[in-house]
Amino acid sequence: MRNARTAAMIVALSVVVVACGTTGPTAGPNGSAVPPSQDAASPDVSGAPGPTPEPTPVDVAALTVATLANPALTATVALAGSTKLGSTMTTATTGTIDIDGRTSHLVRTDKVGKTTTTTETITGNGTRYLKVKGVWTKAGPSNDTELIAVLRAIPTLTDLGVEDKDGAQLHHLQATPVPAVPQEMALETKGITKVATTFDAWVTDAGIPVTMTFASTWKRAVGTKTVDGSRTTTLAFSNVGGGVRVTVPTDIWTFFTSTRYRYRIGYPEAWQAKAGAGRFADSFYGGAQYVYASRARQTNANLAFITKGILKSLKSITGYTNLKILSNSKAKLDGVTARRIEFRGTSSSGRVYGQAIYAIKGAAWYFLGFDAYTKQDDASRAMFTTFIRTFDFR
């Protein structure tokens, strides 16, 4: 088996005028004498209060723009939206977005009829990461269509005044047009035209966002017809400026697709993948651990028959001595009933801890094996479980 294996105060003491009465003339600013008849222009020291200045108006729109542009902004955002295409297709969307400066974490669920899809992404260090079958993968560089980037790109907002919003008195701000539709809103992009989007925000006097709404409309060709599409998404902000933390993934996986054996599987980015040739299986190497995968034709075989053959010939297949089967249990491989075994033995390189899973799919049976030249432990078992979770038939 081991053949190829991111206010200022300006008041006190500013002007203190004390009138000292004299019988002589008072010097003017240019040194000339001011006649006594001008006493009416002398300061009023009677103690009567002067006029109260009007307070300087607060530009809430500008404060909001500054809040959103702050590179250290933190917040938790709950999103809820609905999409309609034509008269029949509708999508309900819910989710959360954690914002930690220039890093964000999205978990979004889209429901169309009885089908529910969950999307999870993290953006940080200039990269967008997508969780696929339980592992983090790189999905390309971050871009200006992500929510936080779109909000920061809004140069100005118009304050429409204070109004009641969900029981609170908030400033209603608006921006038109919007730089882009945030990709977290799941707006479809293929085959659509005449996209128009409005943006409304309700904020506090200090420019802290409370609620935002993106509303988009578009046209899309469906067959020989052109139908209307619309989407409205509401964002509810909380914990603005609070301790929101998003950690950029470091355990990154990538996917390998085998055209020869017709499957796809994920493996750690730091590992090496090698497609099998001849009688050899595809192999994935990671130091003292490696995984191998292949398939073979089967004629009216069942798992019991295959299991019997594997257990009987495992020693000769592997070449390991002192081989002992540790477990043999039911399992699933991409939703298909399977068997999973664990064993240990000795090779020329020392003690080997092995695992395998196999299942029948159509006219073939698939085999996925794992060898670790380390001690048998939970970490090795968990690693192989992750490989199994990423596997799908093609």
Foldseek 3Di string as FASTA:
>chain_A
DPPPAFVPDCDPPNDDDDDDDDPDFDADPVRDTDDPVPCVPPDDPVPDDDDDDDDDDADLFVLQLVQLQPLQKWWKKWKWKKKDWFDDWMKTKTWMWTDGRQKIWIWMWIDTPPDIDIWIWIADPQWIWTQDLRFIATPGGDDCQADSNQSNPQPTWDFPAWDADPNDTWTKIWDPPGPHHRCSQVDDDPQKDDKGKIKIFTHHSSNHTAKMKIKIKIWGDDPPDIIIMIMMMMMGIDQIVHDGDDDDDDFHWDKDADPQQFKMWIDTPPWDWDPDDDPAFTKIDDVQKIKTKHKDFDDPDAQVRVVVVCVVCVCVVVVFAPKDKDDWDWDAAQNFTKIKTWIWGADPVGIKTKIKIWGDDPRMIMIMMMIGPDDDDPVSVVNVVSRRSRMDGD
